[in-house]
Amino acid sequence: MVRFIDDHRDVYGVELICAAVPIAPSTYFLHKAQAADPTQRSARAQRDDRLRVEIQRVWDATARGRSGASCGVTGFAWRAARCAD
């Protein structure tokens, strides 16, 4: 939705687009501010970003989807890698 607004804001303006689609202008501007400065995101969202990188690393290290046992990975690392989809 944000990308759509970005693509058309020069022609129609943010407020007019937001009146036609189900998003408040304040939500759009908040998303843009958080994208420009990730420290404005919630602590949980920042933690999720860090975990997403670690999960991807484990996923790549476990041959992208082979079972954890066959890769020698067990416990949390295996569960995290399996949940990356």
C-alpha atoms as a PDB file:
ATOM      1  CA  MET A   1       0.000   0.000   0.000  1.00  0.00           C
ATOM      2  CA  VAL A   2       2.816   2.400   0.870  1.00  0.00           C
ATOM      3  CA  ARG A   3       4.523   1.699  -2.448  1.00  0.00           C
ATOM      4  CA  PHE A   4       1.265   2.418  -4.282  1.00  0.00           C
ATOM      5  CA  ILE A   5       0.941   5.742  -2.500  1.00  0.00           C
ATOM      6  CA  ASP A   6       4.592   6.571  -3.229  1.00  0.00           C
ATOM      7  CA  ASP A   7       4.068   5.808  -6.915  1.00  0.00           C
ATOM      8  CA  HIS A   8       1.034   8.094  -7.229  1.00  0.00           C
ATOM      9  CA  ARG A   9       1.493  10.799  -4.585  1.00  0.00           C
ATOM     10  CA  ASP A  10       2.944  13.357  -7.011  1.00  0.00           C
ATOM     11  CA  VAL A  11      -0.198  13.256  -9.127  1.00  0.00           C
ATOM     12  CA  TYR A  12      -2.961  12.834  -6.522  1.00  0.00           C
ATOM     13  CA  GLY A  13      -1.417  13.650  -3.133  1.00  0.00           C
ATOM     14  CA  VAL A  14      -1.235  11.425  -0.084  1.00  0.00           C
ATOM     15  CA  GLU A  15      -4.477  12.560   1.542  1.00  0.00           C
ATOM     16  CA  LEU A  16      -6.580  12.030  -1.581  1.00  0.00           C
ATOM     17  CA  ILE A  17      -5.175   8.537  -2.149  1.00  0.00           C
ATOM     18  CA  CYS A  18      -5.669   7.635   1.513  1.00  0.00           C
ATOM     19  CA  ALA A  19      -9.300   8.742   1.282  1.00  0.00           C
ATOM     20  CA  ALA A  20      -9.807   6.259  -1.562  1.00  0.00           C
ATOM     21  CA  VAL A  21      -7.904   3.288  -0.086  1.00  0.00           C
ATOM     22  CA  PRO A  22      -8.123   1.797   3.415  1.00  0.00           C
ATOM     23  CA  ILE A  23      -5.150   3.534   5.057  1.00  0.00           C
ATOM     24  CA  ALA A  24      -4.955   6.634   7.233  1.00  0.00           C
ATOM     25  CA  PRO A  25      -2.494   9.323   6.159  1.00  0.00           C
ATOM     26  CA  SER A  26      -0.921   9.190   9.626  1.00  0.00           C
ATOM     27  CA  THR A  27      -0.224   5.470   9.141  1.00  0.00           C
ATOM     28  CA  TYR A  28       1.488   6.182   5.828  1.00  0.00           C
ATOM     29  CA  PHE A  29       3.627   8.961   7.304  1.00  0.00           C
ATOM     30  CA  LEU A  30       4.515   6.829  10.347  1.00  0.00           C
ATOM     31  CA  HIS A  31       5.658   3.999   8.083  1.00  0.00           C
ATOM     32  CA  LYS A  32       7.783   6.387   6.028  1.00  0.00           C
ATOM     33  CA  ALA A  33       9.376   7.872   9.177  1.00  0.00           C
ATOM     34  CA  GLN A  34      10.170   4.407  10.555  1.00  0.00           C
ATOM     35  CA  ALA A  35      11.642   3.306   7.227  1.00  0.00           C
ATOM     36  CA  ALA A  36      13.904   6.368   7.220  1.00  0.00           C
ATOM     37  CA  ASP A  37      14.925   5.863  10.875  1.00  0.00           C
ATOM     38  CA  PRO A  38      14.524   2.254  12.113  1.00  0.00           C
ATOM     39  CA  THR A  39      15.251   3.337  15.700  1.00  0.00           C
ATOM     40  CA  GLN A  40      11.727   4.816  15.749  1.00  0.00           C
ATOM     41  CA  ARG A  41      10.286   1.317  15.436  1.00  0.00           C
ATOM     42  CA  SER A  42       9.112  -0.530  18.538  1.00  0.00           C
ATOM     43  CA  ALA A  43      11.624  -2.525  20.565  1.00  0.00           C
ATOM     44  CA  ARG A  44       9.917  -5.728  19.447  1.00  0.00           C
ATOM     45  CA  ALA A  45      10.123  -4.769  15.755  1.00  0.00           C
ATOM     46  CA  GLN A  46      13.823  -3.946  16.151  1.00  0.00           C
ATOM     47  CA  ARG A  47      14.406  -7.284  17.888  1.00  0.00           C
ATOM     48  CA  ASP A  48      12.490  -9.088  15.127  1.00  0.00           C
ATOM     49  CA  ASP A  49      14.780  -7.459  12.547  1.00  0.00           C
ATOM     50  CA  ARG A  50      17.861  -8.775  14.348  1.00  0.00           C
ATOM     51  CA  LEU A  51      16.341 -12.246  14.743  1.00  0.00           C
ATOM     52  CA  ARG A  52      15.318 -12.326  11.077  1.00  0.00           C
ATOM     53  CA  VAL A  53      18.989 -11.947  10.086  1.00  0.00           C
ATOM     54  CA  GLU A  54      20.045 -14.716  12.492  1.00  0.00           C
ATOM     55  CA  ILE A  55      17.259 -17.031  11.336  1.00  0.00           C
ATOM     56  CA  GLN A  56      18.280 -16.507   7.708  1.00  0.00           C
ATOM     57  CA  ARG A  57      21.901 -17.300   8.611  1.00  0.00           C
ATOM     58  CA  VAL A  58      20.851 -20.552  10.291  1.00  0.00           C
ATOM     59  CA  TRP A  59      18.518 -21.404   7.402  1.00  0.00           C
ATOM     60  CA  ASP A  60      21.341 -20.936   4.899  1.00  0.00           C
ATOM     61  CA  ALA A  61      23.712 -22.980   7.063  1.00  0.00           C
ATOM     62  CA  THR A  62      21.263 -25.895   7.200  1.00  0.00           C
ATOM     63  CA  ALA A  63      21.135 -26.474   3.464  1.00  0.00           C
ATOM     64  CA  ARG A  64      17.881 -24.513   3.049  1.00  0.00           C
ATOM     65  CA  GLY A  65      15.271 -26.816   4.398  1.00  0.00           C
ATOM     66  CA  ARG A  66      16.932 -30.146   4.904  1.00  0.00           C
ATOM     67  CA  SER A  67      15.866 -31.562   8.210  1.00  0.00           C
ATOM     68  CA  GLY A  68      17.802 -30.264  11.188  1.00  0.00           C
ATOM     69  CA  ALA A  69      18.900 -33.725  12.249  1.00  0.00           C
ATOM     70  CA  SER A  70      20.459 -34.480   8.867  1.00  0.00           C
ATOM     71  CA  CYS A  71      22.420 -31.225   9.068  1.00  0.00           C
ATOM     72  CA  GLY A  72      23.567 -31.780  12.628  1.00  0.00           C
ATOM     73  CA  VAL A  73      21.529 -28.813  13.873  1.00  0.00           C
ATOM     74  CA  THR A  74      19.250 -29.287  16.853  1.00  0.00           C
ATOM     75  CA  GLY A  75      17.214 -27.277  19.331  1.00  0.00           C
ATOM     76  CA  PHE A  76      16.332 -23.637  18.805  1.00  0.00           C
ATOM     77  CA  ALA A  77      18.504 -23.179  15.714  1.00  0.00           C
ATOM     78  CA  TRP A  78      16.658 -25.941  13.908  1.00  0.00           C
ATOM     79  CA  ARG A  79      13.215 -24.631  14.926  1.00  0.00           C
ATOM     80  CA  ALA A  80      14.176 -21.085  13.949  1.00  0.00           C
ATOM     81  CA  ALA A  81      15.410 -22.232  10.553  1.00  0.00           C
ATOM     82  CA  ARG A  82      12.254 -24.256   9.907  1.00  0.00           C
ATOM     83  CA  CYS A  83      10.045 -21.253  10.776  1.00  0.00           C
ATOM     84  CA  ALA A  84      11.822 -18.870   8.381  1.00  0.00           C
ATOM     85  CA  ASP A  85       9.270 -19.476   5.619  1.00  0.00           C
END
